[in-house]
C-alpha cells in the first residue's frame, strides 16, 4: 500500500474547487485511497 502525506490546502482544494490545478493532481490519490490501495495522512500547514 502506498502512503501519502498531504497538507490541508490540498484537501480543501479537492473538496471546494478552490484550486482546480491542485484538485486535478490530488484526485488520483483519493481514488486510490477509496479503493484501499493508498493511505492518505493530512497535516496542517501554518
PDB file of N, CA and C in Angstrom:
ATOM      1  N   UNK A   1       0.845  -1.171   0.000  1.00  0.00           N
ATOM      2  CA  UNK A   1       0.000   0.000   0.000  1.00  0.00           C
ATOM      3  C   UNK A   1       0.892   1.237   0.000  1.00  0.00           C
ATOM      4  N   UNK A   2       0.589   2.166  -0.882  1.00  0.00           N
ATOM      5  CA  UNK A   2       1.326   3.420  -0.917  1.00  0.00           C
ATOM      6  C   UNK A   2       0.796   4.350   0.162  1.00  0.00           C
ATOM      7  N   UNK A   3       1.686   5.163   0.693  1.00  0.00           N
ATOM      8  CA  UNK A   3       1.315   6.126   1.732  1.00  0.00           C
ATOM      9  C   UNK A   3       1.656   7.532   1.249  1.00  0.00           C
ATOM     10  N   UNK A   4       0.727   8.440   1.456  1.00  0.00           N
ATOM     11  CA  UNK A   4       0.914   9.824   1.038  1.00  0.00           C
ATOM     12  C   UNK A   4       0.624  10.745   2.210  1.00  0.00           C
ATOM     13  N   UNK A   5       1.376  11.808   2.299  1.00  0.00           N
ATOM     14  CA  UNK A   5       1.116  12.858   3.271  1.00  0.00           C
ATOM     15  C   UNK A   5       0.786  14.117   2.480  1.00  0.00           C
ATOM     16  N   UNK A   6      -0.403  14.677   2.738  1.00  0.00           N
ATOM     17  CA  UNK A   6      -0.820  15.887   2.047  1.00  0.00           C
ATOM     18  C   UNK A   6      -1.090  16.966   3.088  1.00  0.00           C
ATOM     19  N   UNK A   7      -1.076  18.206   2.652  1.00  0.00           N
ATOM     20  CA  UNK A   7      -1.405  19.274   3.590  1.00  0.00           C
ATOM     21  C   UNK A   7      -2.877  19.647   3.458  1.00  0.00           C
ATOM     22  N   UNK A   8      -3.356  20.396   4.402  1.00  0.00           N
ATOM     23  CA  UNK A   8      -4.773  20.759   4.421  1.00  0.00           C
ATOM     24  C   UNK A   8      -5.184  21.570   3.201  1.00  0.00           C
ATOM     25  N   UNK A   9      -4.253  22.330   2.629  1.00  0.00           N
ATOM     26  CA  UNK A   9      -4.579  23.105   1.428  1.00  0.00           C
ATOM     27  C   UNK A   9      -5.004  22.202   0.272  1.00  0.00           C
ATOM     28  N   UNK A  10      -4.319  21.080   0.115  1.00  0.00           N
ATOM     29  CA  UNK A  10      -4.682  20.142  -0.940  1.00  0.00           C
ATOM     30  C   UNK A  10      -6.060  19.545  -0.682  1.00  0.00           C
ATOM     31  N   UNK A  11      -6.341  19.218   0.570  1.00  0.00           N
ATOM     32  CA  UNK A  11      -7.646  18.667   0.928  1.00  0.00           C
ATOM     33  C   UNK A  11      -8.755  19.687   0.674  1.00  0.00           C
ATOM     34  N   UNK A  12      -8.539  20.918   1.097  1.00  0.00           N
ATOM     35  CA  UNK A  12      -9.550  21.965   0.885  1.00  0.00           C
ATOM     36  C   UNK A  12      -9.772  22.217  -0.595  1.00  0.00           C
ATOM     37  N   UNK A  13      -8.700  22.277  -1.368  1.00  0.00           N
ATOM     38  CA  UNK A  13      -8.841  22.482  -2.816  1.00  0.00           C
ATOM     39  C   UNK A  13      -9.638  21.348  -3.456  1.00  0.00           C
ATOM     40  N   UNK A  14      -9.430  20.134  -2.968  1.00  0.00           N
ATOM     41  CA  UNK A  14     -10.136  18.995  -3.545  1.00  0.00           C
ATOM     42  C   UNK A  14     -11.636  19.064  -3.300  1.00  0.00           C
ATOM     43  N   UNK A  15     -12.033  19.420  -2.099  1.00  0.00           N
ATOM     44  CA  UNK A  15     -13.462  19.390  -1.772  1.00  0.00           C
ATOM     45  C   UNK A  15     -14.216  20.670  -2.105  1.00  0.00           C
ATOM     46  N   UNK A  16     -13.501  21.765  -2.373  1.00  0.00           N
ATOM     47  CA  UNK A  16     -14.194  23.040  -2.614  1.00  0.00           C
ATOM     48  C   UNK A  16     -13.990  23.621  -4.001  1.00  0.00           C
ATOM     49  N   UNK A  17     -13.204  23.009  -4.840  1.00  0.00           N
ATOM     50  CA  UNK A  17     -12.883  23.554  -6.173  1.00  0.00           C
ATOM     51  C   UNK A  17     -12.142  24.879  -6.077  1.00  0.00           C
ATOM     52  N   UNK A  18     -11.442  25.105  -4.978  1.00  0.00           N
ATOM     53  CA  UNK A  18     -10.701  26.354  -4.783  1.00  0.00           C
ATOM     54  C   UNK A  18      -9.545  26.489  -5.767  1.00  0.00           C
ATOM     55  N   UNK A  19      -8.837  25.389  -6.015  1.00  0.00           N
ATOM     56  CA  UNK A  19      -7.682  25.412  -6.901  1.00  0.00           C
ATOM     57  C   UNK A  19      -7.792  24.211  -7.841  1.00  0.00           C
ATOM     58  N   UNK A  20      -8.343  24.419  -9.046  1.00  0.00           N
ATOM     59  CA  UNK A  20      -8.560  23.298  -9.969  1.00  0.00           C
ATOM     60  C   UNK A  20      -7.284  22.527 -10.333  1.00  0.00           C
ATOM     61  N   UNK A  21      -6.150  23.213 -10.440  1.00  0.00           N
ATOM     62  CA  UNK A  21      -4.905  22.519 -10.766  1.00  0.00           C
ATOM     63  C   UNK A  21      -4.512  21.562  -9.642  1.00  0.00           C
ATOM     64  N   UNK A  22      -4.591  22.039  -8.415  1.00  0.00           N
ATOM     65  CA  UNK A  22      -4.267  21.201  -7.266  1.00  0.00           C
ATOM     66  C   UNK A  22      -5.282  20.063  -7.129  1.00  0.00           C
ATOM     67  N   UNK A  23      -6.537  20.366  -7.388  1.00  0.00           N
ATOM     68  CA  UNK A  23      -7.592  19.360  -7.313  1.00  0.00           C
ATOM     69  C   UNK A  23      -7.331  18.230  -8.306  1.00  0.00           C
ATOM     70  N   UNK A  24      -6.924  18.579  -9.498  1.00  0.00           N
ATOM     71  CA  UNK A  24      -6.652  17.578 -10.537  1.00  0.00           C
ATOM     72  C   UNK A  24      -5.466  16.690 -10.140  1.00  0.00           C
ATOM     73  N   UNK A  25      -4.469  17.256  -9.488  1.00  0.00           N
ATOM     74  CA  UNK A  25      -3.301  16.477  -9.085  1.00  0.00           C
ATOM     75  C   UNK A  25      -3.611  15.535  -7.925  1.00  0.00           C
ATOM     76  N   UNK A  26      -4.480  15.951  -7.026  1.00  0.00           N
ATOM     77  CA  UNK A  26      -4.748  15.157  -5.824  1.00  0.00           C
ATOM     78  C   UNK A  26      -5.840  14.101  -6.041  1.00  0.00           C
ATOM     79  N   UNK A  27      -6.680  14.287  -7.028  1.00  0.00           N
ATOM     80  CA  UNK A  27      -7.803  13.366  -7.270  1.00  0.00           C
ATOM     81  C   UNK A  27      -7.374  11.904  -7.396  1.00  0.00           C
ATOM     82  N   UNK A  28      -6.317  11.594  -8.131  1.00  0.00           N
ATOM     83  CA  UNK A  28      -5.921  10.180  -8.224  1.00  0.00           C
ATOM     84  C   UNK A  28      -5.535   9.569  -6.871  1.00  0.00           C
ATOM     85  N   UNK A  29      -5.000  10.380  -5.974  1.00  0.00           N
ATOM     86  CA  UNK A  29      -4.654   9.856  -4.643  1.00  0.00           C
ATOM     87  C   UNK A  29      -5.907   9.459  -3.879  1.00  0.00           C
ATOM     88  N   UNK A  30      -6.935  10.293  -3.953  1.00  0.00           N
ATOM     89  CA  UNK A  30      -8.184   9.972  -3.274  1.00  0.00           C
ATOM     90  C   UNK A  30      -8.873   8.769  -3.916  1.00  0.00           C
ATOM     91  N   UNK A  31      -8.764   8.639  -5.219  1.00  0.00           N
ATOM     92  CA  UNK A  31      -9.337   7.472  -5.896  1.00  0.00           C
ATOM     93  C   UNK A  31      -8.630   6.194  -5.439  1.00  0.00           C
ATOM     94  N   UNK A  32      -7.311   6.252  -5.304  1.00  0.00           N
ATOM     95  CA  UNK A  32      -6.558   5.087  -4.824  1.00  0.00           C
ATOM     96  C   UNK A  32      -6.929   4.750  -3.384  1.00  0.00           C
ATOM     97  N   UNK A  33      -7.086   5.778  -2.564  1.00  0.00           N
ATOM     98  CA  UNK A  33      -7.465   5.546  -1.167  1.00  0.00           C
ATOM     99  C   UNK A  33      -8.865   4.952  -1.072  1.00  0.00           C
ATOM    100  N   UNK A  34      -9.760   5.385  -1.930  1.00  0.00           N
ATOM    101  CA  UNK A  34     -11.118   4.845  -1.928  1.00  0.00           C
ATOM    102  C   UNK A  34     -11.125   3.365  -2.284  1.00  0.00           C
ATOM    103  N   UNK A  35     -10.142   2.935  -3.051  1.00  0.00           N
ATOM    104  CA  UNK A  35     -10.022   1.523  -3.436  1.00  0.00           C
ATOM    105  C   UNK A  35      -9.113   0.745  -2.475  1.00  0.00           C
ATOM    106  N   UNK A  36      -8.736   1.404  -1.355  1.00  0.00           N
ATOM    107  CA  UNK A  36      -7.870   0.814  -0.335  1.00  0.00           C
ATOM    108  C   UNK A  36      -6.499   0.426  -0.880  1.00  0.00           C
ATOM    109  N   UNK A  37      -6.039   1.193  -1.858  1.00  0.00           N
ATOM    110  CA  UNK A  37      -4.696   0.961  -2.425  1.00  0.00           C
ATOM    111  C   UNK A  37      -3.710   2.007  -1.939  1.00  0.00           C
ATOM    112  N   UNK A  38      -4.173   2.984  -1.178  1.00  0.00           N
ATOM    113  CA  UNK A  38      -3.303   4.042  -0.660  1.00  0.00           C
ATOM    114  C   UNK A  38      -3.827   4.513   0.686  1.00  0.00           C
ATOM    115  N   UNK A  39      -2.908   5.051   1.465  1.00  0.00           N
ATOM    116  CA  UNK A  39      -3.240   5.647   2.754  1.00  0.00           C
ATOM    117  C   UNK A  39      -2.860   7.114   2.678  1.00  0.00           C
ATOM    118  N   UNK A  40      -3.787   7.992   2.996  1.00  0.00           N
ATOM    119  CA  UNK A  40      -3.531   9.432   2.963  1.00  0.00           C
ATOM    120  C   UNK A  40      -3.576   9.966   4.379  1.00  0.00           C
ATOM    121  N   UNK A  41      -2.504  10.637   4.760  1.00  0.00           N
ATOM    122  CA  UNK A  41      -2.449  11.339   6.042  1.00  0.00           C
ATOM    123  C   UNK A  41      -2.460  12.831   5.730  1.00  0.00           C
ATOM    124  N   UNK A  42      -3.176  13.583   6.554  1.00  0.00           N
ATOM    125  CA  UNK A  42      -3.303  15.022   6.340  1.00  0.00           C
ATOM    126  C   UNK A  42      -2.564  15.754   7.455  1.00  0.00           C
ATOM    127  N   UNK A  43      -1.712  16.700   7.055  1.00  0.00           N
ATOM    128  CA  UNK A  43      -1.036  17.538   8.039  1.00  0.00           C
ATOM    129  C   UNK A  43      -1.511  18.970   7.876  1.00  0.00           C
ATOM    130  N   UNK A  44      -1.492  19.692   8.961  1.00  0.00           N
ATOM    131  CA  UNK A  44      -1.897  21.094   8.922  1.00  0.00           C
ATOM    132  C   UNK A  44      -0.672  21.959   8.722  1.00  0.00           C
ATOM    133  N   UNK A  45      -0.714  22.781   7.701  1.00  0.00           N
ATOM    134  CA  UNK A  45       0.375  23.708   7.435  1.00  0.00           C
ATOM    135  C   UNK A  45       0.007  25.068   8.018  1.00  0.00           C
ATOM    136  N   UNK A  46       0.923  25.699   8.658  1.00  0.00           N
ATOM    137  CA  UNK A  46       0.661  27.014   9.270  1.00  0.00           C
ATOM    138  C   UNK A  46       0.732  28.115   8.239  1.00  0.00           C
TER     139      UNK A  46
END
